Amino acid sequence: MPAPNRLLPLALALLATAGALAPRPARAVLAQSSEEARERARERAEQERELLTRDRERELAFAERVRERARERAERDRERARERMDRDRGDAQEATQEPTRLDTTVSVGRDGSVDLSLVSGNITVTAWGRGDVQVRGYSERLPLRFEHVGGRVRVWVPNTNLRNRRSGDQRLEVVVPVGTRVAAQSVSGNVRVSGVRGELEAGTVSGDVDASDGVRRVALNSVSGSVRGTNVQGEVRAHSVSGEVTLDQVEGEIDAQSVSGEVEIRRARSSRLRMESVSGELTYDGSIARDGRYELNTHSGEIHLLLPSDVGAELSLRTFSGSIDSEFPLTMRGDARDDSRRGYGPRERRMDFTLGDGGARIVAETFSGTINIGRAGSRR
């Protein structure tokens, strides 16, 4: 057997190995867990600081944008104020100047354009066979501007802010080549155009419009006055707010309207027609195209349809408190309805007819008026 002193080193080595392999004390494990928790807490705190920093930077950037917009807005307001002051100074100077007279003739050729605009005065335009535009004008208190560039002539009074100052008397008399496009506008005055044989636009706020011999596109407008067009063709539009609208010898697509006035169309040739009035009569005397569409509508007025003897059309007629009279034999279609004998509610009379062999579509509606269908030329 080996001696005891020889076994001692072996025992000590075995004890050391067993100590190394034995579980660590619980205190060391807890210490390591606490350190990891502190590390995670530090990381979370750092992340929160970064988020707060980014939020603060965004708030500062937004506040700077708001301040920049406010500075830009203030600068724009100051610029507008300076512009208003400059305009007011210019207006005061222009409104007290001497009368302006204009008498000139310039060459524009056959396909030119003339734009005319006044504040308070009449405009008269006629045509001749020459290739020149002749302008004669007068303005009592405001400057009368003239511009000629190539085939375009423009005559106008600047849009000044007069407040309560009078603009004074104004007038324009212009002669243009046949075929010229004419646009004439007056705020307070009559506008008359004749013989141009070109596109035509004439309008006024307070005054009458009388135009003839326009082609391709014709627009006639008045707010407080009558509108009359003669021998016009193409796309024709005639509107008035408080005045009569009259078209004679008109051809093309027609749109005629008045709020508180009669609308009358004579000797017409059209395949598309629209007539409207709130408180006025409607009268159409003209041809009916086989593929045409015609719409007439008024609230408190009669409707007079004067049609050729050989007309063929489908009619849809509607009235609440009026009658339907016709000089033509009408064939009622099966979908017609007559509610005039009902004892309750509004008395609607709605009837659909075939006139001749049909074809065109005619719709006529009035709330409190009679619908009369007669022969062309029978009502003057």
Protein backbone atom coordinates (compact mmCIF):
# COMPACT_ATOMS: atom_id res chain seq x y z
CA MET A 1 0.00 0.00 0.00
CA PRO A 2 1.30 3.46 -0.76
CA ALA A 3 2.30 5.62 2.10
CA PRO A 4 -0.12 8.26 3.38
CA ASN A 5 2.18 11.10 2.46
CA ARG A 6 2.09 10.00 -1.15
CA LEU A 7 -1.73 10.11 -1.31
CA LEU A 8 -2.03 13.62 0.05
CA PRO A 9 -1.10 15.47 -3.19
CA LEU A 10 -3.59 13.35 -5.14
CA ALA A 11 -6.39 14.16 -2.71
CA LEU A 12 -5.66 17.83 -2.84
CA ALA A 13 -5.80 17.80 -6.68
CA LEU A 14 -9.13 16.00 -6.63
CA LEU A 15 -10.53 18.53 -4.17
CA ALA A 16 -9.44 21.46 -6.37
CA THR A 17 -11.07 19.94 -9.44
CA ALA A 18 -14.29 19.32 -7.57
CA GLY A 19 -14.30 22.92 -6.34
CA ALA A 20 -13.94 24.24 -9.86
CA LEU A 21 -16.84 22.15 -11.07
CA ALA A 22 -19.17 22.98 -8.16
CA PRO A 23 -22.06 25.61 -8.67
CA ARG A 24 -21.21 29.28 -7.99
CA PRO A 25 -22.71 30.90 -4.95
CA ALA A 26 -26.12 32.57 -5.39
CA ARG A 27 -24.65 35.95 -4.42
CA ALA A 28 -22.43 36.01 -7.55
CA VAL A 29 -25.38 35.18 -9.81
CA LEU A 30 -27.47 37.98 -8.30
CA ALA A 31 -24.63 40.45 -8.74
CA GLN A 32 -24.34 39.62 -12.44
CA SER A 33 -28.13 39.96 -12.98
CA SER A 34 -28.15 43.36 -11.27
CA GLU A 35 -25.36 44.58 -13.54
CA GLU A 36 -27.24 43.46 -16.65
CA ALA A 37 -30.41 45.22 -15.41
CA ARG A 38 -28.45 48.44 -14.82
CA GLU A 39 -27.01 48.18 -18.34
CA ARG A 40 -30.46 47.78 -19.85
CA ALA A 41 -31.73 50.74 -17.82
CA ARG A 42 -28.85 52.86 -19.09
CA GLU A 43 -29.66 51.86 -22.65
CA ARG A 44 -33.35 52.75 -22.20
CA ALA A 45 -32.44 56.10 -20.67
CA GLU A 46 -30.12 56.82 -23.57
CA GLN A 47 -32.85 55.94 -26.05
CA GLU A 48 -35.32 58.21 -24.23
CA ARG A 49 -32.79 61.06 -24.28
CA GLU A 50 -32.33 60.58 -28.02
CA LEU A 51 -36.11 60.61 -28.59
CA LEU A 52 -36.48 63.76 -26.49
CA THR A 53 -33.64 65.38 -28.41
CA ARG A 54 -35.24 64.56 -31.79
CA ASP A 55 -38.65 65.80 -30.57
CA ARG A 56 -37.09 69.04 -29.41
CA GLU A 57 -35.30 69.48 -32.73
CA ARG A 58 -38.57 68.92 -34.62
CA GLU A 59 -40.36 71.46 -32.39
CA LEU A 60 -37.63 74.01 -32.99
CA ALA A 61 -37.72 73.40 -36.74
CA PHE A 62 -41.52 73.75 -36.82
CA ALA A 63 -41.37 76.96 -34.78
CA GLU A 64 -38.78 78.34 -37.19
CA ARG A 65 -40.99 77.51 -40.17
CA VAL A 66 -43.93 79.25 -38.51
CA ARG A 67 -41.81 82.35 -37.86
CA GLU A 68 -40.54 82.29 -41.46
CA ARG A 69 -44.08 82.09 -42.85
CA ALA A 70 -45.15 84.92 -40.58
CA ARG A 71 -42.24 87.04 -41.84
CA GLU A 72 -43.14 86.22 -45.46
CA ARG A 73 -46.81 87.06 -44.84
CA ALA A 74 -45.90 90.35 -43.19
CA GLU A 75 -43.63 91.21 -46.13
CA ARG A 76 -46.43 90.44 -48.62
CA ASP A 77 -48.84 92.60 -46.63
CA ARG A 78 -46.35 95.46 -46.63
CA GLU A 79 -45.84 95.06 -50.39
CA ARG A 80 -49.61 95.11 -51.01
CA ALA A 81 -49.94 98.19 -48.85
CA ARG A 82 -47.20 99.93 -50.86
CA GLU A 83 -48.91 98.93 -54.12
CA ARG A 84 -52.27 100.28 -52.86
CA MET A 85 -50.63 103.55 -51.90
CA ASP A 86 -48.99 103.80 -55.33
CA ARG A 87 -52.29 103.06 -57.08
CA ASP A 88 -54.14 105.61 -54.97
CA ARG A 89 -51.57 108.27 -55.78
CA GLY A 90 -51.81 107.39 -59.47
CA ASP A 91 -55.62 107.39 -59.34
CA ALA A 92 -55.69 110.82 -57.74
CA GLN A 93 -53.41 112.18 -60.46
CA GLU A 94 -55.32 110.52 -63.30
CA ALA A 95 -58.75 111.52 -62.00
CA THR A 96 -57.86 115.21 -62.08
CA GLN A 97 -56.14 115.34 -65.46
CA GLU A 98 -57.33 117.19 -68.54
CA PRO A 99 -59.75 115.54 -71.02
CA THR A 100 -58.20 112.98 -73.37
CA ARG A 101 -58.97 112.99 -77.09
CA LEU A 102 -57.98 110.29 -79.54
CA ASP A 103 -58.18 110.41 -83.33
CA THR A 104 -56.00 107.94 -85.17
CA THR A 105 -55.99 105.39 -87.99
CA VAL A 106 -53.76 102.31 -88.09
CA SER A 107 -53.41 99.37 -90.46
CA VAL A 108 -54.34 95.89 -89.17
CA GLY A 109 -55.36 93.87 -92.24
CA ARG A 110 -58.42 91.68 -92.68
CA ASP A 111 -58.03 89.23 -89.78
CA GLY A 112 -57.24 91.59 -86.93
CA SER A 113 -58.87 92.08 -83.55
CA VAL A 114 -60.12 95.14 -81.71
CA ASP A 115 -60.70 95.26 -77.92
CA LEU A 116 -62.57 98.25 -76.52
CA SER A 117 -63.38 99.05 -72.89
CA LEU A 118 -64.93 102.11 -71.18
CA VAL A 119 -66.11 102.89 -67.65
CA SER A 120 -68.96 105.31 -68.39
CA GLY A 121 -69.74 105.91 -72.02
CA ASN A 122 -71.16 104.59 -75.27
CA ILE A 123 -69.24 102.47 -77.77
CA THR A 124 -70.13 102.39 -81.45
CA VAL A 125 -68.41 100.07 -83.94
CA THR A 126 -69.04 99.91 -87.69
CA ALA A 127 -67.16 98.28 -90.58
CA TRP A 128 -65.73 99.31 -93.94
CA GLY A 129 -63.87 97.74 -96.84
CA ARG A 130 -60.45 99.14 -95.97
CA GLY A 131 -57.74 97.30 -94.00
CA ASP A 132 -57.44 100.08 -91.41
CA VAL A 133 -58.89 100.70 -87.96
CA GLN A 134 -60.05 104.24 -87.30
CA VAL A 135 -60.49 105.26 -83.66
CA ARG A 136 -62.08 108.44 -82.39
CA GLY A 137 -62.45 108.72 -78.64
CA TYR A 138 -62.98 111.12 -75.79
CA SER A 139 -62.59 110.82 -72.02
CA GLU A 140 -63.43 113.73 -69.75
CA ARG A 141 -61.52 112.84 -66.57
CA LEU A 142 -59.74 109.51 -67.02
CA PRO A 143 -56.89 108.77 -69.42
CA LEU A 144 -57.79 107.00 -72.64
CA ARG A 145 -55.17 104.41 -73.54
CA PHE A 146 -54.35 103.20 -77.06
CA GLU A 147 -52.25 100.21 -78.10
CA HIS A 148 -51.49 98.82 -81.56
CA VAL A 149 -49.41 95.66 -81.95
CA GLY A 150 -49.46 93.87 -85.30
CA GLY A 151 -53.06 93.07 -86.17
CA ARG A 152 -54.39 93.90 -82.69
CA VAL A 153 -55.77 97.22 -81.50
CA ARG A 154 -56.73 97.91 -77.90
CA VAL A 155 -58.41 101.05 -76.52
CA TRP A 156 -59.31 101.26 -72.86
CA VAL A 157 -59.66 103.34 -69.73
CA PRO A 158 -57.43 102.07 -66.89
CA ASN A 159 -59.24 100.25 -64.10
CA THR A 160 -58.68 102.96 -61.53
CA ASN A 161 -60.06 103.06 -58.00
CA LEU A 162 -62.27 106.14 -58.18
CA ARG A 163 -64.16 105.63 -54.93
CA ASN A 164 -66.72 108.46 -54.95
CA ARG A 165 -65.10 110.52 -57.70
CA ARG A 166 -66.90 110.88 -61.04
CA SER A 167 -65.31 109.16 -64.01
CA GLY A 168 -66.72 111.75 -66.38
CA ASP A 169 -68.11 111.40 -69.89
CA GLN A 170 -66.51 108.95 -72.31
CA ARG A 171 -67.23 107.72 -75.83
CA LEU A 172 -65.66 105.65 -78.58
CA GLU A 173 -66.46 105.59 -82.29
CA VAL A 174 -64.49 102.92 -84.13
CA VAL A 175 -64.47 101.70 -87.74
CA VAL A 176 -62.91 98.29 -88.44
CA PRO A 177 -62.21 96.15 -91.53
CA VAL A 178 -64.88 93.60 -92.41
CA GLY A 179 -63.98 90.29 -90.74
CA THR A 180 -62.36 91.81 -87.64
CA ARG A 181 -62.93 90.15 -84.29
CA VAL A 182 -64.51 92.76 -82.00
CA ALA A 183 -64.82 92.78 -78.20
CA ALA A 184 -66.55 95.86 -76.76
CA GLN A 185 -67.37 96.35 -73.06
CA SER A 186 -68.77 99.31 -71.14
CA VAL A 187 -69.64 99.47 -67.44
CA SER A 188 -72.22 102.23 -67.79
CA GLY A 189 -73.16 102.85 -71.41
CA ASN A 190 -74.68 101.44 -74.57
CA VAL A 191 -72.76 99.21 -76.97
CA ARG A 192 -73.64 99.05 -80.68
CA VAL A 193 -71.79 96.97 -83.26
CA SER A 194 -72.80 96.45 -86.90
CA GLY A 195 -71.44 95.15 -90.18
CA VAL A 196 -68.30 93.49 -88.83
CA ARG A 197 -68.88 89.95 -90.22
CA GLY A 198 -66.47 88.58 -87.64
CA GLU A 199 -66.55 87.11 -84.14
CA LEU A 200 -68.32 89.45 -81.81
CA GLU A 201 -68.51 90.02 -78.05
CA ALA A 202 -70.48 92.97 -76.69
CA GLY A 203 -71.47 93.63 -73.11
CA THR A 204 -72.46 96.26 -70.58
CA VAL A 205 -73.48 96.39 -66.94
CA SER A 206 -75.92 99.31 -67.17
CA GLY A 207 -77.02 99.89 -70.74
CA ASP A 208 -78.33 98.29 -73.92
CA VAL A 209 -76.52 96.04 -76.38
CA ASP A 210 -77.44 96.14 -80.09
CA ALA A 211 -75.33 94.05 -82.45
CA SER A 212 -75.62 92.74 -85.99
CA ASP A 213 -73.65 90.81 -88.57
CA GLY A 214 -71.58 88.65 -86.22
CA VAL A 215 -70.39 85.18 -87.27
CA ARG A 216 -68.84 82.02 -85.80
CA ARG A 217 -69.12 83.08 -82.15
CA VAL A 218 -71.41 85.83 -80.90
CA ALA A 219 -71.85 86.72 -77.20
CA LEU A 220 -74.18 89.56 -76.15
CA ASN A 221 -74.69 90.42 -72.47
CA SER A 222 -76.31 93.11 -70.33
CA VAL A 223 -77.01 93.17 -66.60
CA SER A 224 -79.47 96.07 -66.56
CA GLY A 225 -80.61 96.61 -70.13
CA SER A 226 -81.96 95.00 -73.27
CA VAL A 227 -80.04 92.80 -75.69
CA ARG A 228 -80.74 92.70 -79.41
CA GLY A 229 -78.98 90.70 -82.11
CA THR A 230 -79.76 90.80 -85.83
CA ASN A 231 -78.36 88.72 -88.67
CA VAL A 232 -76.00 86.72 -86.45
CA GLN A 233 -74.87 83.15 -86.95
CA GLY A 234 -72.71 80.46 -85.42
CA GLU A 235 -72.61 79.86 -81.68
CA VAL A 236 -74.95 82.60 -80.46
CA ARG A 237 -75.40 83.49 -76.78
CA ALA A 238 -77.60 86.39 -75.63
CA HIS A 239 -78.22 87.01 -71.91
CA SER A 240 -79.80 89.77 -69.82
CA VAL A 241 -80.61 89.96 -66.13
CA SER A 242 -83.31 92.64 -66.14
CA GLY A 243 -84.12 93.31 -69.77
CA GLU A 244 -85.58 91.86 -72.94
CA VAL A 245 -83.59 89.60 -75.25
CA THR A 246 -84.44 89.72 -78.96
CA LEU A 247 -82.79 87.81 -81.80
CA ASP A 248 -83.84 88.22 -85.43
CA GLN A 249 -82.45 86.40 -88.48
CA VAL A 250 -80.32 84.13 -86.35
CA GLU A 251 -78.71 80.87 -87.46
CA GLY A 252 -76.79 78.26 -85.48
CA GLU A 253 -76.75 77.03 -81.88
CA ILE A 254 -78.75 79.48 -79.76
CA ASP A 255 -78.70 80.14 -76.01
CA ALA A 256 -81.01 83.04 -75.05
CA GLN A 257 -81.86 83.86 -71.42
CA SER A 258 -83.34 86.63 -69.28
CA VAL A 259 -84.13 86.65 -65.57
CA SER A 260 -86.90 89.25 -65.60
CA GLY A 261 -87.68 89.94 -69.24
CA GLU A 262 -89.14 88.48 -72.40
CA VAL A 263 -87.06 86.38 -74.77
CA GLU A 264 -88.06 86.51 -78.44
CA ILE A 265 -86.41 84.77 -81.39
CA ARG A 266 -87.61 85.44 -84.96
CA ARG A 267 -86.72 84.03 -88.38
CA ALA A 268 -84.39 81.47 -86.85
CA ARG A 269 -82.61 78.47 -88.32
CA SER A 270 -81.29 76.28 -85.54
CA SER A 271 -80.80 72.65 -84.58
CA ARG A 272 -79.94 73.41 -80.93
CA LEU A 273 -82.00 75.90 -78.97
CA ARG A 274 -82.18 76.83 -75.30
CA MET A 275 -84.52 79.61 -74.10
CA GLU A 276 -85.09 80.50 -70.45
CA SER A 277 -86.77 83.22 -68.40
CA VAL A 278 -87.89 83.42 -64.79
CA SER A 279 -90.65 86.00 -65.23
CA GLY A 280 -91.15 86.59 -68.94
CA GLU A 281 -92.67 85.22 -72.13
CA LEU A 282 -90.76 83.01 -74.53
CA THR A 283 -91.37 83.17 -78.29
CA TYR A 284 -89.68 81.03 -80.93
CA ASP A 285 -90.50 81.54 -84.60
CA GLY A 286 -88.26 79.52 -86.86
CA SER A 287 -87.35 76.27 -88.54
CA ILE A 288 -87.15 72.86 -86.87
CA ALA A 289 -84.31 70.51 -87.89
CA ARG A 290 -85.27 66.85 -88.02
CA ASP A 291 -82.44 65.90 -85.65
CA GLY A 292 -82.69 69.09 -83.58
CA ARG A 293 -83.34 69.62 -79.88
CA TYR A 294 -85.28 72.62 -78.55
CA GLU A 295 -85.77 73.49 -74.86
CA LEU A 296 -87.98 76.34 -73.61
CA ASN A 297 -88.50 76.98 -69.90
CA THR A 298 -90.14 79.83 -67.99
CA HIS A 299 -91.57 80.05 -64.49
CA SER A 300 -94.22 82.72 -64.80
CA GLY A 301 -94.83 83.41 -68.49
CA GLU A 302 -96.41 82.08 -71.63
CA ILE A 303 -94.60 80.05 -74.28
CA HIS A 304 -95.29 80.65 -77.98
CA LEU A 305 -93.97 78.10 -80.47
CA LEU A 306 -94.46 79.19 -84.09
CA LEU A 307 -93.50 76.28 -86.32
CA PRO A 308 -93.37 75.55 -90.07
CA SER A 309 -96.44 73.88 -91.58
CA ASP A 310 -94.50 70.73 -92.51
CA VAL A 311 -92.82 70.31 -89.13
CA GLY A 312 -92.21 66.86 -87.68
CA ALA A 313 -91.37 66.63 -83.99
CA GLU A 314 -91.88 64.87 -80.67
CA LEU A 315 -93.29 67.39 -78.17
CA SER A 316 -93.13 67.20 -74.38
CA LEU A 317 -95.31 69.96 -72.86
CA ARG A 318 -95.74 70.73 -69.18
CA THR A 319 -97.68 73.41 -67.28
CA PHE A 320 -99.09 73.60 -63.75
CA SER A 321 -101.63 76.42 -63.97
CA GLY A 322 -102.11 77.04 -67.67
CA SER A 323 -103.57 75.49 -70.78
CA ILE A 324 -102.08 73.93 -73.92
CA ASP A 325 -103.37 75.29 -77.24
CA SER A 326 -102.33 74.18 -80.73
CA GLU A 327 -103.18 75.07 -84.32
CA PHE A 328 -101.68 71.74 -85.40
CA PRO A 329 -103.34 68.33 -85.11
CA LEU A 330 -101.52 66.53 -82.31
CA THR A 331 -101.27 62.78 -81.74
CA MET A 332 -101.00 62.02 -78.03
CA ARG A 333 -98.53 59.30 -77.09
CA GLY A 334 -99.39 56.58 -74.58
CA ASP A 335 -97.10 57.95 -71.83
CA ALA A 336 -98.94 61.31 -71.59
CA ARG A 337 -100.42 62.38 -68.25
CA ASP A 338 -103.00 65.04 -67.38
CA ASP A 339 -103.31 65.80 -63.65
CA SER A 340 -105.27 69.03 -64.06
CA ARG A 341 -108.49 67.48 -62.72
CA ARG A 342 -106.99 66.15 -59.51
CA GLY A 343 -108.48 67.60 -56.38
CA TYR A 344 -105.26 67.66 -54.40
CA GLY A 345 -101.68 68.93 -54.73
CA PRO A 346 -100.37 71.01 -57.64
CA ARG A 347 -102.36 70.64 -60.84
CA GLU A 348 -99.76 69.44 -63.26
CA ARG A 349 -100.63 69.08 -66.92
CA ARG A 350 -98.03 67.12 -68.81
CA MET A 351 -98.61 65.83 -72.31
CA ASP A 352 -96.41 64.13 -74.89
CA PHE A 353 -97.39 64.52 -78.52
CA THR A 354 -96.20 63.60 -81.97
CA LEU A 355 -96.40 66.37 -84.53
CA GLY A 356 -96.31 65.27 -88.17
CA ASP A 357 -94.00 62.30 -88.62
CA GLY A 358 -91.89 63.10 -85.52
CA GLY A 359 -88.13 63.58 -85.59
CA ALA A 360 -87.02 66.65 -83.66
CA ARG A 361 -87.33 66.84 -79.87
CA ILE A 362 -89.14 69.86 -78.39
CA VAL A 363 -89.53 70.37 -74.62
CA ALA A 364 -91.62 73.32 -73.35
CA GLU A 365 -92.31 73.90 -69.64
CA THR A 366 -93.98 76.74 -67.72
CA PHE A 367 -95.26 76.82 -64.17
CA SER A 368 -97.93 79.49 -64.47
CA GLY A 369 -98.52 80.14 -68.14
CA THR A 370 -100.13 78.85 -71.31
CA ILE A 371 -98.30 76.97 -74.03
CA ASN A 372 -99.35 78.04 -77.52
CA ILE A 373 -98.33 76.15 -80.65
CA GLY A 374 -98.99 78.07 -83.85
CA ARG A 375 -97.84 78.36 -87.42
CA ALA A 376 -94.74 80.38 -88.31
CA GLY A 377 -95.46 84.00 -89.16
CA SER A 378 -98.91 83.99 -87.55
CA ARG A 379 -97.94 86.17 -84.55
CA ARG A 380 -96.29 89.54 -84.95
